[in-house]
Amino acid sequence: MKEIEVKILDIDLEEIRKKLLDLGAKKVFDGEIHAIAFDHPDLRLDKKDSFIRVRKVGETTELCFKGPNRGSIFKSREEIEVNTTNFADTLEILERGGLIRYHEGKKHRESYTLGKVRFEIDNWKNIPHFLEIEAPTTEEVKEYVENLGFTMDQTTNWSYLELEEHYETK
């Protein structure tokens, strides 16, 4: 599957919630996420702009491979994801397979859906709330950016590591 998304930074949280509900989006998750990215000790996946992630979303555990970002305006990358039944065991399997923890983070997320479009409001570290819009096509992402009152010039395709770097330098 291909992941196509953008982020909108420094949002007005209450305004975005209202706009999402006015569009007809349904809240499908509100809780904590614990994510750990893995790589080989020589960081061969990172050198290819790829990684393996284990993420606990509420009571669900997701194991995911993310390929390199192929987009310039939109983040567009291959994503292969499966659910497992045990967070700790999934971590142990990867570590026993020789992978190392490369990055780890916890955040609060509100997730909304409207058809096949996902809207994620994240709050993480010292980073102001931001909105992620993910859809099957670039056209749909752009449509919902505009439906929420933004322009594509107000979006970014930064990764979480790039967000960290941006806000650490402020």
N, C-alpha and C. Protein backbone atom coordinates (compact mmCIF):
# COMPACT_ATOMS: atom_id res chain seq x y z
N MET A 1 0.84 -1.17 0.00
CA MET A 1 0.00 0.00 0.00
C MET A 1 0.89 1.24 0.00
N LYS A 2 0.42 2.30 -0.59
CA LYS A 2 1.16 3.55 -0.60
C LYS A 2 0.53 4.53 0.38
N GLU A 3 1.38 5.15 1.18
CA GLU A 3 0.95 6.17 2.13
C GLU A 3 1.16 7.53 1.46
N ILE A 4 0.10 8.34 1.38
CA ILE A 4 0.19 9.69 0.81
C ILE A 4 -0.37 10.65 1.85
N GLU A 5 0.48 11.58 2.32
CA GLU A 5 0.03 12.44 3.41
C GLU A 5 0.78 13.77 3.43
N VAL A 6 0.22 14.70 4.17
CA VAL A 6 0.87 15.97 4.50
C VAL A 6 0.57 16.29 5.96
N LYS A 7 1.36 17.20 6.51
CA LYS A 7 1.13 17.68 7.86
C LYS A 7 0.87 19.19 7.81
N ILE A 8 0.02 19.64 8.71
CA ILE A 8 -0.23 21.07 8.91
C ILE A 8 0.17 21.36 10.35
N LEU A 9 1.14 22.25 10.52
CA LEU A 9 1.71 22.51 11.83
C LEU A 9 0.99 23.63 12.55
N ASP A 10 1.18 23.67 13.88
CA ASP A 10 0.71 24.77 14.72
C ASP A 10 -0.78 25.07 14.53
N ILE A 11 -1.59 24.03 14.60
CA ILE A 11 -3.03 24.19 14.36
C ILE A 11 -3.75 24.74 15.59
N ASP A 12 -4.92 25.30 15.37
CA ASP A 12 -5.84 25.66 16.45
C ASP A 12 -6.66 24.40 16.71
N LEU A 13 -6.39 23.74 17.81
CA LEU A 13 -6.97 22.42 18.10
C LEU A 13 -8.49 22.41 18.07
N GLU A 14 -9.12 23.33 18.79
CA GLU A 14 -10.58 23.35 18.84
C GLU A 14 -11.20 23.65 17.48
N GLU A 15 -10.58 24.54 16.73
CA GLU A 15 -11.09 24.88 15.40
C GLU A 15 -11.01 23.68 14.46
N ILE A 16 -9.90 22.94 14.50
CA ILE A 16 -9.75 21.77 13.63
C ILE A 16 -10.75 20.69 14.02
N ARG A 17 -10.92 20.44 15.30
CA ARG A 17 -11.91 19.45 15.72
C ARG A 17 -13.29 19.79 15.18
N LYS A 18 -13.68 21.05 15.32
CA LYS A 18 -15.00 21.49 14.84
C LYS A 18 -15.11 21.32 13.33
N LYS A 19 -14.09 21.74 12.59
CA LYS A 19 -14.12 21.62 11.12
C LYS A 19 -14.21 20.16 10.69
N LEU A 20 -13.48 19.28 11.35
CA LEU A 20 -13.53 17.86 10.99
C LEU A 20 -14.94 17.30 11.20
N LEU A 21 -15.52 17.60 12.35
CA LEU A 21 -16.87 17.12 12.63
C LEU A 21 -17.89 17.74 11.67
N ASP A 22 -17.72 19.03 11.33
CA ASP A 22 -18.62 19.68 10.36
C ASP A 22 -18.54 19.04 8.98
N LEU A 23 -17.33 18.54 8.61
CA LEU A 23 -17.18 17.84 7.33
C LEU A 23 -17.82 16.46 7.34
N GLY A 24 -18.12 15.95 8.54
CA GLY A 24 -18.70 14.61 8.66
C GLY A 24 -17.72 13.55 9.09
N ALA A 25 -16.51 13.95 9.47
CA ALA A 25 -15.52 12.98 9.93
C ALA A 25 -15.96 12.40 11.28
N LYS A 26 -15.60 11.15 11.50
CA LYS A 26 -15.93 10.45 12.74
C LYS A 26 -14.66 10.20 13.54
N LYS A 27 -14.71 10.49 14.84
CA LYS A 27 -13.56 10.21 15.71
C LYS A 27 -13.51 8.70 15.93
N VAL A 28 -12.35 8.09 15.63
CA VAL A 28 -12.21 6.65 15.75
C VAL A 28 -11.17 6.24 16.79
N PHE A 29 -10.38 7.20 17.29
CA PHE A 29 -9.38 6.88 18.31
C PHE A 29 -9.00 8.16 19.04
N ASP A 30 -8.78 8.02 20.33
CA ASP A 30 -8.30 9.13 21.16
C ASP A 30 -7.49 8.50 22.28
N GLY A 31 -6.17 8.52 22.16
CA GLY A 31 -5.36 7.88 23.18
C GLY A 31 -3.88 7.99 22.91
N GLU A 32 -3.14 7.21 23.66
CA GLU A 32 -1.68 7.24 23.60
C GLU A 32 -1.16 6.26 22.56
N ILE A 33 -0.06 6.66 21.93
CA ILE A 33 0.65 5.81 20.97
C ILE A 33 2.10 5.73 21.41
N HIS A 34 2.62 4.52 21.43
CA HIS A 34 4.03 4.28 21.73
C HIS A 34 4.63 3.64 20.48
N ALA A 35 5.59 4.33 19.88
CA ALA A 35 6.17 3.86 18.62
C ALA A 35 7.68 3.69 18.76
N ILE A 36 8.19 2.60 18.22
CA ILE A 36 9.63 2.32 18.24
C ILE A 36 10.05 1.94 16.83
N ALA A 37 11.03 2.68 16.29
CA ALA A 37 11.58 2.39 14.96
C ALA A 37 12.82 1.52 15.12
N PHE A 38 12.96 0.55 14.23
CA PHE A 38 14.08 -0.39 14.26
C PHE A 38 14.89 -0.31 12.98
N ASP A 39 16.16 -0.67 13.12
CA ASP A 39 17.06 -0.74 11.96
C ASP A 39 18.14 -1.77 12.29
N HIS A 40 18.96 -2.07 11.32
CA HIS A 40 20.13 -2.92 11.53
C HIS A 40 21.20 -2.08 12.22
N PRO A 41 22.14 -2.70 12.91
CA PRO A 41 23.19 -1.92 13.58
C PRO A 41 23.96 -0.98 12.65
N ASP A 42 24.10 -1.33 11.38
CA ASP A 42 24.80 -0.45 10.42
C ASP A 42 23.87 0.60 9.80
N LEU A 43 22.63 0.65 10.27
CA LEU A 43 21.61 1.62 9.83
C LEU A 43 21.35 1.56 8.32
N ARG A 44 21.38 0.38 7.76
CA ARG A 44 21.19 0.23 6.31
C ARG A 44 19.80 0.65 5.85
N LEU A 45 18.78 0.49 6.69
CA LEU A 45 17.44 0.95 6.30
C LEU A 45 17.39 2.47 6.29
N ASP A 46 17.93 3.10 7.34
CA ASP A 46 17.94 4.57 7.40
C ASP A 46 18.68 5.16 6.20
N LYS A 47 19.76 4.53 5.78
CA LYS A 47 20.51 5.02 4.62
C LYS A 47 19.67 4.97 3.35
N LYS A 48 18.63 4.16 3.36
CA LYS A 48 17.70 4.07 2.22
C LYS A 48 16.39 4.79 2.52
N ASP A 49 16.38 5.63 3.58
CA ASP A 49 15.18 6.37 4.01
C ASP A 49 14.02 5.42 4.29
N SER A 50 14.33 4.31 4.94
CA SER A 50 13.32 3.30 5.28
C SER A 50 13.46 2.92 6.75
N PHE A 51 12.45 2.24 7.29
CA PHE A 51 12.54 1.74 8.65
C PHE A 51 11.45 0.72 8.92
N ILE A 52 11.62 0.00 10.02
CA ILE A 52 10.61 -0.93 10.53
C ILE A 52 10.12 -0.32 11.84
N ARG A 53 8.80 -0.30 12.01
CA ARG A 53 8.23 0.31 13.21
C ARG A 53 7.28 -0.65 13.90
N VAL A 54 7.34 -0.65 15.23
CA VAL A 54 6.35 -1.32 16.06
C VAL A 54 5.64 -0.21 16.81
N ARG A 55 4.31 -0.26 16.79
CA ARG A 55 3.54 0.82 17.41
C ARG A 55 2.38 0.22 18.19
N LYS A 56 2.22 0.71 19.42
CA LYS A 56 1.07 0.32 20.24
C LYS A 56 0.09 1.48 20.18
N VAL A 57 -1.07 1.19 19.60
CA VAL A 57 -2.14 2.19 19.44
C VAL A 57 -3.30 1.71 20.29
N GLY A 58 -3.44 2.29 21.48
CA GLY A 58 -4.44 1.76 22.40
C GLY A 58 -4.05 0.34 22.75
N GLU A 59 -4.93 -0.61 22.47
CA GLU A 59 -4.66 -2.03 22.75
C GLU A 59 -4.16 -2.78 21.52
N THR A 60 -4.01 -2.09 20.39
CA THR A 60 -3.58 -2.72 19.14
C THR A 60 -2.08 -2.56 18.95
N THR A 61 -1.42 -3.62 18.47
CA THR A 61 0.00 -3.57 18.16
C THR A 61 0.15 -3.70 16.64
N GLU A 62 0.88 -2.74 16.05
CA GLU A 62 1.11 -2.72 14.60
C GLU A 62 2.60 -2.90 14.32
N LEU A 63 2.90 -3.73 13.35
CA LEU A 63 4.26 -3.93 12.84
C LEU A 63 4.26 -3.43 11.42
N CYS A 64 5.19 -2.53 11.08
CA CYS A 64 5.12 -1.86 9.79
C CYS A 64 6.51 -1.68 9.18
N PHE A 65 6.60 -1.86 7.87
CA PHE A 65 7.78 -1.45 7.10
C PHE A 65 7.41 -0.21 6.32
N LYS A 66 8.26 0.80 6.38
CA LYS A 66 8.04 2.03 5.60
C LYS A 66 9.22 2.22 4.68
N GLY A 67 8.92 2.31 3.39
CA GLY A 67 9.96 2.53 2.38
C GLY A 67 10.30 4.00 2.26
N PRO A 68 11.19 4.34 1.33
CA PRO A 68 11.64 5.73 1.18
C PRO A 68 10.53 6.67 0.71
N ASN A 69 10.62 7.91 1.15
CA ASN A 69 9.69 8.94 0.72
C ASN A 69 9.99 9.28 -0.74
N ARG A 70 9.00 9.14 -1.60
CA ARG A 70 9.15 9.41 -3.03
C ARG A 70 8.47 10.72 -3.44
N GLY A 71 7.98 11.48 -2.46
CA GLY A 71 7.27 12.71 -2.79
C GLY A 71 8.09 13.93 -2.44
N SER A 72 7.76 15.04 -3.09
CA SER A 72 8.41 16.29 -2.75
C SER A 72 7.44 17.21 -2.01
N ILE A 73 6.19 17.24 -2.43
CA ILE A 73 5.18 18.05 -1.74
C ILE A 73 4.45 17.17 -0.72
N PHE A 74 4.05 16.00 -1.14
CA PHE A 74 3.37 15.03 -0.28
C PHE A 74 4.39 14.02 0.19
N LYS A 75 4.19 13.49 1.41
CA LYS A 75 4.98 12.33 1.79
C LYS A 75 4.31 11.16 1.09
N SER A 76 5.07 10.42 0.31
CA SER A 76 4.52 9.31 -0.44
C SER A 76 5.51 8.15 -0.34
N ARG A 77 5.12 7.15 0.42
CA ARG A 77 6.03 6.03 0.63
C ARG A 77 5.27 4.72 0.70
N GLU A 78 5.97 3.64 0.34
CA GLU A 78 5.42 2.30 0.49
C GLU A 78 5.26 2.01 1.97
N GLU A 79 4.13 1.37 2.30
CA GLU A 79 3.86 1.02 3.69
C GLU A 79 3.24 -0.38 3.70
N ILE A 80 3.86 -1.28 4.45
CA ILE A 80 3.33 -2.63 4.62
C ILE A 80 3.11 -2.80 6.12
N GLU A 81 1.86 -3.10 6.51
CA GLU A 81 1.54 -3.13 7.93
C GLU A 81 0.69 -4.35 8.27
N VAL A 82 1.00 -4.95 9.42
CA VAL A 82 0.20 -6.04 9.97
C VAL A 82 -0.01 -5.79 11.45
N ASN A 83 -1.05 -6.36 12.00
CA ASN A 83 -1.28 -6.29 13.45
C ASN A 83 -0.76 -7.57 14.08
N THR A 84 -0.18 -7.42 15.27
CA THR A 84 0.24 -8.57 16.05
C THR A 84 -0.54 -8.55 17.36
N THR A 85 -0.39 -9.59 18.14
CA THR A 85 -1.20 -9.67 19.36
C THR A 85 -0.46 -9.23 20.61
N ASN A 86 0.86 -8.99 20.53
CA ASN A 86 1.60 -8.69 21.75
C ASN A 86 2.74 -7.72 21.46
N PHE A 87 2.68 -6.53 22.04
CA PHE A 87 3.69 -5.49 21.82
C PHE A 87 5.08 -5.95 22.25
N ALA A 88 5.20 -6.44 23.49
CA ALA A 88 6.51 -6.84 24.02
C ALA A 88 7.12 -7.98 23.21
N ASP A 89 6.31 -8.97 22.83
CA ASP A 89 6.83 -10.10 22.05
C ASP A 89 7.27 -9.65 20.65
N THR A 90 6.54 -8.72 20.06
CA THR A 90 6.91 -8.21 18.73
C THR A 90 8.26 -7.51 18.81
N LEU A 91 8.47 -6.70 19.85
CA LEU A 91 9.76 -6.04 20.05
C LEU A 91 10.87 -7.07 20.22
N GLU A 92 10.60 -8.09 21.01
CA GLU A 92 11.62 -9.11 21.27
C GLU A 92 11.99 -9.89 20.01
N ILE A 93 11.03 -10.19 19.18
CA ILE A 93 11.32 -10.89 17.92
C ILE A 93 12.29 -10.08 17.07
N LEU A 94 12.02 -8.78 16.93
CA LEU A 94 12.90 -7.93 16.12
C LEU A 94 14.30 -7.83 16.72
N GLU A 95 14.37 -7.67 18.04
CA GLU A 95 15.67 -7.56 18.70
C GLU A 95 16.45 -8.87 18.62
N ARG A 96 15.78 -9.99 18.79
CA ARG A 96 16.47 -11.29 18.66
C ARG A 96 16.90 -11.54 17.23
N GLY A 97 16.21 -10.88 16.28
CA GLY A 97 16.61 -10.97 14.88
C GLY A 97 17.77 -10.05 14.53
N GLY A 98 18.30 -9.36 15.52
CA GLY A 98 19.48 -8.53 15.28
C GLY A 98 19.21 -7.06 15.01
N LEU A 99 17.94 -6.65 15.04
CA LEU A 99 17.64 -5.24 14.81
C LEU A 99 17.80 -4.46 16.12
N ILE A 100 18.06 -3.17 15.98
CA ILE A 100 18.24 -2.31 17.15
C ILE A 100 17.16 -1.23 17.15
N ARG A 101 16.85 -0.75 18.35
CA ARG A 101 15.92 0.37 18.48
C ARG A 101 16.63 1.62 17.99
N TYR A 102 16.02 2.27 17.03
CA TYR A 102 16.63 3.42 16.36
C TYR A 102 16.04 4.74 16.87
N HIS A 103 14.75 4.73 17.12
CA HIS A 103 14.06 5.92 17.61
C HIS A 103 12.83 5.46 18.37
N GLU A 104 12.51 6.18 19.45
CA GLU A 104 11.34 5.80 20.25
C GLU A 104 10.61 7.06 20.68
N GLY A 105 9.29 6.99 20.66
CA GLY A 105 8.51 8.14 21.09
C GLY A 105 7.11 7.76 21.52
N LYS A 106 6.55 8.61 22.36
CA LYS A 106 5.16 8.46 22.80
C LYS A 106 4.44 9.76 22.50
N LYS A 107 3.19 9.65 22.10
CA LYS A 107 2.41 10.84 21.78
C LYS A 107 0.95 10.57 22.06
N HIS A 108 0.19 11.65 22.11
CA HIS A 108 -1.26 11.53 22.20
C HIS A 108 -1.80 11.80 20.80
N ARG A 109 -2.78 11.00 20.39
CA ARG A 109 -3.35 11.14 19.04
C ARG A 109 -4.86 11.07 19.10
N GLU A 110 -5.48 11.93 18.30
CA GLU A 110 -6.91 11.83 17.99
C GLU A 110 -6.99 11.47 16.51
N SER A 111 -7.72 10.42 16.18
CA SER A 111 -7.87 9.98 14.80
C SER A 111 -9.31 10.13 14.36
N TYR A 112 -9.48 10.66 13.16
CA TYR A 112 -10.79 10.83 12.54
C TYR A 112 -10.72 10.21 11.15
N THR A 113 -11.86 9.68 10.68
CA THR A 113 -11.94 9.17 9.31
C THR A 113 -13.14 9.78 8.61
N LEU A 114 -12.99 9.90 7.31
CA LEU A 114 -14.07 10.33 6.43
C LEU A 114 -13.87 9.56 5.13
N GLY A 115 -14.65 8.51 4.95
CA GLY A 115 -14.41 7.61 3.83
C GLY A 115 -13.04 6.96 4.02
N LYS A 116 -12.19 7.06 3.00
CA LYS A 116 -10.85 6.47 3.08
C LYS A 116 -9.80 7.47 3.53
N VAL A 117 -10.22 8.66 3.91
CA VAL A 117 -9.30 9.70 4.34
C VAL A 117 -9.16 9.66 5.86
N ARG A 118 -7.90 9.76 6.33
CA ARG A 118 -7.61 9.75 7.77
C ARG A 118 -7.07 11.12 8.17
N PHE A 119 -7.50 11.58 9.31
CA PHE A 119 -7.03 12.83 9.89
C PHE A 119 -6.48 12.49 11.27
N GLU A 120 -5.24 12.83 11.52
CA GLU A 120 -4.60 12.52 12.79
C GLU A 120 -4.16 13.83 13.44
N ILE A 121 -4.62 14.08 14.65
CA ILE A 121 -4.16 15.23 15.42
C ILE A 121 -3.19 14.70 16.46
N ASP A 122 -1.93 15.12 16.37
CA ASP A 122 -0.90 14.62 17.27
C ASP A 122 -0.41 15.70 18.21
N ASN A 123 -0.11 15.27 19.43
CA ASN A 123 0.52 16.12 20.43
C ASN A 123 1.68 15.32 20.99
N TRP A 124 2.89 15.87 20.87
CA TRP A 124 4.07 15.06 21.11
C TRP A 124 5.22 15.97 21.53
N LYS A 125 5.90 15.58 22.59
CA LYS A 125 7.05 16.32 23.12
C LYS A 125 6.71 17.78 23.30
N ASN A 126 7.61 18.66 22.88
CA ASN A 126 7.39 20.10 22.97
C ASN A 126 6.93 20.66 21.63
N ILE A 127 6.28 19.84 20.84
CA ILE A 127 5.83 20.23 19.51
C ILE A 127 4.35 20.60 19.59
N PRO A 128 3.98 21.79 19.12
CA PRO A 128 2.56 22.17 19.13
C PRO A 128 1.71 21.15 18.35
N HIS A 129 0.43 21.07 18.71
CA HIS A 129 -0.48 20.16 17.98
C HIS A 129 -0.33 20.37 16.48
N PHE A 130 -0.37 19.25 15.75
CA PHE A 130 -0.37 19.33 14.29
C PHE A 130 -1.34 18.31 13.73
N LEU A 131 -1.73 18.53 12.49
CA LEU A 131 -2.70 17.68 11.81
C LEU A 131 -2.02 16.97 10.66
N GLU A 132 -2.27 15.67 10.55
CA GLU A 132 -1.79 14.89 9.42
C GLU A 132 -3.02 14.47 8.62
N ILE A 133 -2.97 14.66 7.31
CA ILE A 133 -4.06 14.23 6.42
C ILE A 133 -3.49 13.17 5.49
N GLU A 134 -4.10 11.97 5.52
CA GLU A 134 -3.65 10.86 4.68
C GLU A 134 -4.83 10.37 3.85
N ALA A 135 -4.58 10.19 2.55
CA ALA A 135 -5.64 9.73 1.64
C ALA A 135 -5.03 8.84 0.56
N PRO A 136 -5.87 8.12 -0.18
CA PRO A 136 -5.36 7.24 -1.23
C PRO A 136 -4.70 7.99 -2.40
N THR A 137 -5.07 9.27 -2.62
CA THR A 137 -4.51 10.01 -3.76
C THR A 137 -4.07 11.40 -3.32
N THR A 138 -3.16 11.99 -4.09
CA THR A 138 -2.72 13.36 -3.82
C THR A 138 -3.89 14.33 -3.98
N GLU A 139 -4.76 14.06 -4.93
CA GLU A 139 -5.91 14.94 -5.16
C GLU A 139 -6.82 15.00 -3.95
N GLU A 140 -7.05 13.84 -3.32
CA GLU A 140 -7.90 13.80 -2.12
C GLU A 140 -7.23 14.51 -0.95
N VAL A 141 -5.93 14.34 -0.79
CA VAL A 141 -5.23 15.04 0.28
C VAL A 141 -5.40 16.55 0.07
N LYS A 142 -5.14 17.02 -1.15
CA LYS A 142 -5.26 18.45 -1.46
C LYS A 142 -6.69 18.95 -1.23
N GLU A 143 -7.67 18.16 -1.63
CA GLU A 143 -9.08 18.53 -1.44
C GLU A 143 -9.39 18.79 0.03
N TYR A 144 -8.91 17.90 0.92
CA TYR A 144 -9.23 18.05 2.33
C TYR A 144 -8.36 19.11 3.02
N VAL A 145 -7.16 19.34 2.51
CA VAL A 145 -6.38 20.48 3.00
C VAL A 145 -7.20 21.75 2.77
N GLU A 146 -7.74 21.89 1.56
CA GLU A 146 -8.52 23.09 1.21
C GLU A 146 -9.87 23.12 1.92
N ASN A 147 -10.52 21.95 2.06
CA ASN A 147 -11.81 21.89 2.77
C ASN A 147 -11.68 22.35 4.22
N LEU A 148 -10.48 22.18 4.78
CA LEU A 148 -10.24 22.60 6.16
C LEU A 148 -9.75 24.05 6.25
N GLY A 149 -9.69 24.73 5.10
CA GLY A 149 -9.35 26.14 5.10
C GLY A 149 -7.87 26.45 4.98
N PHE A 150 -7.08 25.49 4.53
CA PHE A 150 -5.64 25.69 4.37
C PHE A 150 -5.28 25.66 2.89
N THR A 151 -4.05 26.02 2.59
CA THR A 151 -3.50 25.88 1.24
C THR A 151 -2.37 24.86 1.30
N MET A 152 -1.98 24.34 0.16
CA MET A 152 -0.87 23.39 0.12
C MET A 152 0.44 24.05 0.57
N ASP A 153 0.54 25.38 0.43
CA ASP A 153 1.73 26.09 0.89
C ASP A 153 1.86 26.04 2.41
N GLN A 154 0.78 25.73 3.11
CA GLN A 154 0.80 25.65 4.57
C GLN A 154 1.07 24.23 5.06
N THR A 155 1.39 23.32 4.16
CA THR A 155 1.64 21.92 4.53
C THR A 155 3.12 21.60 4.46
N THR A 156 3.47 20.48 5.06
CA THR A 156 4.83 19.96 4.97
C THR A 156 4.76 18.44 4.86
N ASN A 157 5.82 17.85 4.33
CA ASN A 157 5.90 16.39 4.28
C ASN A 157 6.98 15.88 5.22
N TRP A 158 7.33 16.66 6.22
CA TRP A 158 8.39 16.29 7.16
C TRP A 158 8.07 15.00 7.90
N SER A 159 9.12 14.26 8.20
CA SER A 159 9.02 13.09 9.06
C SER A 159 9.00 13.56 10.52
N TYR A 160 8.76 12.62 11.43
CA TYR A 160 8.78 12.96 12.85
C TYR A 160 10.16 13.42 13.29
N LEU A 161 11.22 12.82 12.73
CA LEU A 161 12.58 13.25 13.07
C LEU A 161 12.82 14.69 12.60
N GLU A 162 12.31 15.03 11.43
CA GLU A 162 12.46 16.40 10.93
C GLU A 162 11.65 17.39 11.78
N LEU A 163 10.47 16.96 12.24
CA LEU A 163 9.69 17.82 13.15
C LEU A 163 10.47 18.08 14.44
N GLU A 164 11.06 17.03 15.00
CA GLU A 164 11.86 17.18 16.20
C GLU A 164 12.99 18.20 15.97
N GLU A 165 13.71 18.04 14.89
CA GLU A 165 14.81 18.94 14.58
C GLU A 165 14.32 20.38 14.43
N HIS A 166 13.21 20.56 13.74
CA HIS A 166 12.65 21.91 13.51
C HIS A 166 12.32 22.60 14.84
N TYR A 167 11.65 21.90 15.72
CA TYR A 167 11.21 22.53 16.96
C TYR A 167 12.34 22.61 18.01
N GLU A 168 13.35 21.76 17.91
CA GLU A 168 14.49 21.86 18.82
C GLU A 168 15.34 23.09 18.52
N THR A 169 15.33 23.54 17.27
CA THR A 169 16.14 24.69 16.88
C THR A 169 15.42 26.01 17.09
N LYS A 170 14.15 25.96 17.48
CA LYS A 170 13.38 27.20 17.71
C LYS A 170 13.68 27.76 19.07
